[in-house]
Protein backbone atom coordinates (compact mmCIF):
# COMPACT_ATOMS: atom_id res chain seq x y z
CA UNK A 1 26.95 -64.32 0.07
CA UNK A 2 24.63 -62.01 -2.02
CA UNK A 3 25.35 -60.77 -5.51
CA UNK A 4 24.15 -57.29 -5.81
CA UNK A 5 23.37 -55.78 -9.18
CA UNK A 6 23.03 -52.00 -9.64
CA UNK A 7 21.41 -50.46 -12.84
CA UNK A 8 22.60 -46.88 -13.39
CA UNK A 9 22.39 -43.97 -15.71
CA UNK A 10 24.91 -41.23 -15.99
CA UNK A 11 25.88 -38.04 -18.01
CA UNK A 12 29.45 -38.73 -18.81
CA UNK A 13 30.67 -35.70 -20.16
CA UNK A 14 32.80 -34.46 -17.23
CA UNK A 15 34.18 -38.10 -16.52
CA UNK A 16 37.01 -39.90 -18.01
CA UNK A 17 34.87 -42.97 -18.84
CA UNK A 18 33.30 -45.36 -16.56
CA UNK A 19 36.25 -47.68 -15.64
CA UNK A 20 38.47 -46.62 -12.54
CA UNK A 21 41.70 -44.70 -13.27
CA UNK A 22 44.45 -43.39 -11.13
CA UNK A 23 43.29 -39.72 -11.02
CA UNK A 24 39.90 -40.85 -9.78
CA UNK A 25 37.65 -38.80 -12.09
CA UNK A 26 35.52 -41.74 -13.48
CA UNK A 27 32.07 -42.83 -12.86
CA UNK A 28 33.34 -46.03 -11.14
CA UNK A 29 35.50 -44.11 -8.73
CA UNK A 30 32.68 -41.73 -7.73
CA UNK A 31 30.14 -44.73 -7.40
CA UNK A 32 32.57 -46.76 -5.24
CA UNK A 33 33.33 -43.79 -2.90
CA UNK A 34 29.62 -43.30 -2.44
CA UNK A 35 29.03 -47.00 -1.85
CA UNK A 36 31.86 -47.02 0.69
CA UNK A 37 30.27 -44.23 2.60
CA UNK A 38 26.85 -45.81 2.67
CA UNK A 39 28.08 -49.36 3.45
CA UNK A 40 31.05 -48.49 5.54
CA UNK A 41 32.88 -51.04 3.51
CA UNK A 42 35.25 -51.01 0.50
CA UNK A 43 34.53 -52.85 -2.36
CA UNK A 44 35.25 -53.18 -6.16
CA UNK A 45 32.55 -53.01 -8.84
CA UNK A 46 32.42 -55.17 -11.87
CA UNK A 47 30.75 -53.34 -14.86
CA UNK A 48 28.88 -54.29 -18.12
CA UNK A 49 30.81 -51.55 -20.25
CA UNK A 50 33.71 -49.42 -19.60
CA UNK A 51 32.35 -46.42 -21.92
CA UNK A 52 34.87 -43.91 -23.20
CA UNK A 53 35.79 -40.53 -21.99
CA UNK A 54 32.60 -38.24 -22.33
CA UNK A 55 30.32 -40.96 -23.20
CA UNK A 56 26.91 -41.15 -21.36
CA UNK A 57 24.78 -44.12 -20.57
CA UNK A 58 21.09 -44.42 -19.97
CA UNK A 59 21.69 -48.26 -18.96
CA UNK A 60 24.89 -49.28 -17.23
CA UNK A 61 24.96 -52.33 -14.97
CA UNK A 62 27.40 -53.22 -12.23
CA UNK A 63 27.59 -55.85 -9.53
CA UNK A 64 29.35 -56.48 -6.23
CA UNK A 65 29.55 -59.22 -3.65
CA UNK A 66 28.14 -58.65 -0.30
CA UNK A 67 28.59 -61.05 2.68
CA UNK A 68 27.94 -58.70 5.65
CA UNK A 69 24.59 -57.86 7.23
CA UNK A 70 21.38 -57.99 4.97
CA UNK A 71 20.94 -55.00 2.63
CA UNK A 72 17.83 -52.92 2.62
CA UNK A 73 17.97 -52.36 -1.13
CA UNK A 74 15.31 -49.55 -1.16
CA UNK A 75 17.33 -47.78 1.43
CA UNK A 76 20.45 -48.29 -0.37
CA UNK A 77 19.00 -46.74 -3.51
CA UNK A 78 17.83 -43.72 -1.54
CA UNK A 79 21.11 -43.09 0.36
CA UNK A 80 23.19 -43.64 -2.66
CA UNK A 81 21.42 -41.11 -4.77
CA UNK A 82 21.49 -38.61 -2.05
CA UNK A 83 25.25 -38.83 -2.10
CA UNK A 84 26.07 -39.15 -5.74
CA UNK A 85 26.33 -36.06 -8.00
CA UNK A 86 23.11 -35.23 -9.99
CA UNK A 87 24.61 -36.60 -13.25
CA UNK A 88 24.85 -40.16 -11.74
CA UNK A 89 21.73 -41.95 -10.81
CA UNK A 90 21.00 -45.34 -9.36
CA UNK A 91 17.95 -46.61 -11.07
CA UNK A 92 17.55 -49.96 -9.36
CA UNK A 93 19.39 -52.18 -6.89
CA UNK A 94 18.46 -55.87 -6.79
CA UNK A 95 19.86 -59.27 -5.84
CA UNK A 96 21.24 -61.14 -9.04
CA UNK A 97 21.86 -64.75 -9.57
CA UNK A 98 25.16 -65.90 -8.39
CA UNK A 99 26.24 -66.69 -11.99
CA UNK A 100 25.20 -63.45 -13.37
CA UNK A 101 28.05 -61.39 -14.79
CA UNK A 102 27.26 -57.85 -16.09
CA UNK A 103 29.52 -58.11 -19.03
CA UNK A 104 29.75 -61.90 -19.73
CA UNK A 105 25.96 -62.44 -19.35
CA UNK A 106 25.15 -59.68 -21.94
CA UNK A 107 24.15 -60.71 -25.43
CA UNK A 108 24.55 -57.33 -26.92
CA UNK A 109 24.32 -53.56 -26.41
CA UNK A 110 22.47 -50.63 -28.21
CA UNK A 111 24.07 -47.29 -28.61
CA UNK A 112 22.73 -43.98 -30.03
CA UNK A 113 24.76 -41.26 -31.62
CA UNK A 114 23.13 -37.82 -32.32
CA UNK A 115 24.00 -35.37 -35.06
CA UNK A 116 22.48 -32.05 -36.34
CA UNK A 117 22.38 -31.16 -40.10
CA UNK A 118 20.66 -27.75 -39.75
CA UNK A 119 21.91 -24.17 -39.89
CA UNK A 120 20.66 -23.47 -36.37
CA UNK A 121 21.60 -25.77 -33.63
CA UNK A 122 18.91 -26.26 -30.89
CA UNK A 123 20.80 -24.56 -27.80
CA UNK A 124 19.08 -26.96 -25.46
CA UNK A 125 20.58 -30.08 -27.36
CA UNK A 126 24.06 -28.81 -28.36
CA UNK A 127 26.04 -30.49 -25.60
CA UNK A 128 24.89 -33.95 -26.81
CA UNK A 129 24.98 -33.48 -30.60
CA UNK A 130 27.70 -33.35 -33.27
CA UNK A 131 26.86 -30.48 -35.71
CA UNK A 132 27.43 -31.44 -39.31
CA UNK A 133 25.87 -29.04 -41.76
CA UNK A 134 27.16 -30.60 -44.77
CA UNK A 135 24.89 -33.51 -44.47
CA UNK A 136 22.00 -32.57 -46.85
CA UNK A 137 21.09 -36.04 -47.74
CA UNK A 138 21.68 -38.96 -45.48
CA UNK A 139 21.25 -41.60 -48.25
CA UNK A 140 25.00 -42.05 -48.86
CA UNK A 141 25.78 -41.68 -45.13
CA UNK A 142 23.42 -44.55 -44.35
CA UNK A 143 24.84 -46.78 -47.18
CA UNK A 144 28.26 -46.27 -45.78
CA UNK A 145 27.15 -47.08 -42.33
CA UNK A 146 25.45 -50.36 -43.61
CA UNK A 147 28.87 -51.50 -44.58
CA UNK A 148 29.43 -52.33 -40.87
CA UNK A 149 26.52 -54.66 -40.41
CA UNK A 150 27.61 -58.18 -39.93
CA UNK A 151 30.71 -59.96 -38.61
CA UNK A 152 34.02 -58.17 -39.49
CA UNK A 153 37.51 -57.31 -38.29
CA UNK A 154 37.10 -53.83 -36.85
CA UNK A 155 40.97 -53.28 -36.23
CA UNK A 156 40.89 -50.24 -38.54
CA UNK A 157 38.11 -48.72 -36.60
CA UNK A 158 39.51 -48.99 -33.07
CA UNK A 159 41.75 -46.70 -31.09
CA UNK A 160 45.31 -47.37 -31.89
CA UNK A 161 45.99 -47.71 -28.15
CA UNK A 162 43.47 -50.53 -27.73
CA UNK A 163 44.84 -53.56 -25.90
CA UNK A 164 42.23 -55.90 -27.49
CA UNK A 165 43.93 -58.85 -29.35
CA UNK A 166 40.64 -60.17 -30.79
CA UNK A 167 39.34 -57.28 -33.02
CA UNK A 168 36.47 -59.40 -34.68
CA UNK A 169 33.06 -57.96 -33.71
CA UNK A 170 29.43 -58.43 -34.76
CA UNK A 171 27.07 -55.54 -35.51
CA UNK A 172 23.43 -56.74 -35.56
CA UNK A 173 22.04 -53.55 -37.20
CA UNK A 174 22.39 -49.83 -37.82
CA UNK A 175 19.43 -47.48 -38.15
CA UNK A 176 19.36 -43.69 -39.14
CA UNK A 177 16.29 -41.93 -37.69
CA UNK A 178 15.69 -38.39 -38.81
CA UNK A 179 13.59 -35.99 -36.67
CA UNK A 180 13.89 -32.79 -38.68
CA UNK A 181 17.50 -31.63 -38.40
CA UNK A 182 18.16 -34.12 -35.82
CA UNK A 183 19.85 -37.43 -36.98
CA UNK A 184 19.81 -40.39 -34.50
CA UNK A 185 22.15 -43.18 -35.28
CA UNK A 186 21.17 -46.38 -33.55
CA UNK A 187 23.70 -49.06 -33.53
CA UNK A 188 23.08 -52.59 -32.12
CA UNK A 189 25.98 -55.13 -31.66
CA UNK A 190 27.38 -58.03 -29.77
CA UNK A 191 30.43 -55.87 -28.48
CA UNK A 192 32.63 -52.90 -29.28
CA UNK A 193 36.16 -51.92 -29.29
CA UNK A 194 37.50 -48.76 -27.85
CA UNK A 195 36.13 -45.67 -29.74
CA UNK A 196 34.71 -48.20 -32.41
CA UNK A 197 31.50 -46.51 -32.78
CA UNK A 198 32.83 -42.97 -32.77
CA UNK A 199 35.34 -44.08 -35.67
CA UNK A 200 32.71 -45.90 -37.56
CA UNK A 201 30.58 -42.78 -37.55
CA UNK A 202 33.46 -40.49 -38.48
CA UNK A 203 34.65 -42.90 -41.21
CA UNK A 204 31.16 -43.28 -42.72
CA UNK A 205 30.63 -39.41 -42.75
CA UNK A 206 34.14 -39.16 -44.37
CA UNK A 207 33.22 -41.70 -46.98
CA UNK A 208 29.98 -40.12 -47.69
CA UNK A 209 31.62 -36.82 -48.26
CA UNK A 210 34.33 -38.43 -50.47
CA UNK A 211 37.19 -38.05 -48.03
CA UNK A 212 38.36 -41.69 -47.62
CA UNK A 213 41.32 -43.02 -49.53
CA UNK A 214 39.93 -46.50 -49.47
CA UNK A 215 36.20 -47.56 -49.06
CA UNK A 216 35.03 -48.88 -45.66
CA UNK A 217 34.40 -52.32 -47.35
CA UNK A 218 38.05 -52.51 -48.12
CA UNK A 219 39.30 -51.43 -44.71
CA UNK A 220 37.07 -54.14 -43.15
CA UNK A 221 39.00 -56.67 -45.35
CA UNK A 222 42.55 -55.12 -44.97
CA UNK A 223 42.61 -52.98 -41.79
CA UNK A 224 44.48 -49.95 -41.64
CA UNK A 225 43.54 -47.38 -38.87
CA UNK A 226 45.53 -44.56 -40.56
CA UNK A 227 43.39 -44.81 -43.65
CA UNK A 228 39.99 -44.77 -41.81
CA UNK A 229 38.13 -41.70 -41.00
CA UNK A 230 38.11 -39.32 -38.08
CA UNK A 231 36.86 -40.07 -34.54
CA UNK A 232 33.47 -38.46 -33.95
CA UNK A 233 33.41 -36.44 -30.63
CA UNK A 234 32.28 -38.45 -27.60
CA UNK A 235 29.45 -36.42 -25.83
CA UNK A 236 26.80 -37.26 -28.46
CA UNK A 237 27.23 -40.98 -27.75
CA UNK A 238 25.05 -42.72 -25.27
CA UNK A 239 24.89 -46.50 -24.25
CA UNK A 240 21.17 -47.00 -24.28
CA UNK A 241 20.57 -50.46 -23.36
CA UNK A 242 22.45 -53.61 -22.34
CA UNK A 243 20.74 -56.72 -23.69
CA UNK A 244 20.38 -59.83 -21.48
CA UNK A 245 17.41 -61.48 -23.08
CA UNK A 246 16.78 -61.64 -26.79
CA UNK A 247 18.26 -59.30 -29.34
CA UNK A 248 15.33 -56.96 -30.24
CA UNK A 249 14.42 -55.76 -33.86
CA UNK A 250 16.12 -52.39 -33.89
CA UNK A 251 13.21 -50.74 -35.55
CA UNK A 252 10.79 -51.91 -33.00
CA UNK A 253 13.14 -51.09 -30.23
CA UNK A 254 13.62 -47.47 -31.44
CA UNK A 255 9.78 -47.18 -31.89
CA UNK A 256 9.19 -48.31 -28.28
CA UNK A 257 12.01 -46.24 -26.95
CA UNK A 258 10.47 -43.03 -28.58
CA UNK A 259 7.04 -43.88 -27.38
CA UNK A 260 8.02 -43.93 -23.80
CA UNK A 261 10.47 -41.02 -23.98
CA UNK A 262 9.30 -37.89 -22.18
CA UNK A 263 11.99 -35.61 -23.99
CA UNK A 264 11.71 -34.63 -27.58
CA UNK A 265 13.19 -31.81 -29.66
CA UNK A 266 11.33 -29.19 -31.55
CA UNK A 267 11.07 -29.79 -35.18
CA UNK A 268 12.07 -27.47 -37.99
CA UNK A 269 9.16 -25.65 -39.67
């Protein structure tokens, strides 16, 4: 039996997250239907991350078991991409080790959240950016975000409907990168609760603007979701990388990512 690994990328704005749901409008549902058409066999995917409604991914990993005829992986890539909608792409298909698990084998994940502080939002970037004109100086915002680095109980920074019993998580590092009016917030961590990054960012913004009743450091010690900040919108959030090897230095990762990225936004003059 072969253990097939698929590495994907998708624009999640029109989907209710990755994980399959009854209504069927998720990335997993669309991908499984396309695979069934190509392979003439129904199957269930195991994923590395569920990703929330509206969240995109530059790197998602799924696996499935295959014990039928040998697969031509190059042909699978071609046929699958011809069937998938343009906002979902299969980047690579490969045979994985039998013990590989897309979620349990992962050592961490890197996300990026994008904000815009200028008066005039770039129209080519607006679907993926949260416009916040009140951020004149990111110093306090960065200080608030730094409170999350380390091992903490993130119960106050998770969706109230989350079914997770263990709310302890580790954030490796957080980096703010400014490119003119564009603010990229990079978050590296071992794992995340439902809507956790979006609530972290909303809370850090609210704290930097003097809108929180209790500081983030206090909410990490004595969790109370109702006292944390707002939930930032989902389209500006992207899962950038699932980490299966060593945890990279975040500054080095961002530098290398930007060096190989073909898309950049114009700077304010």
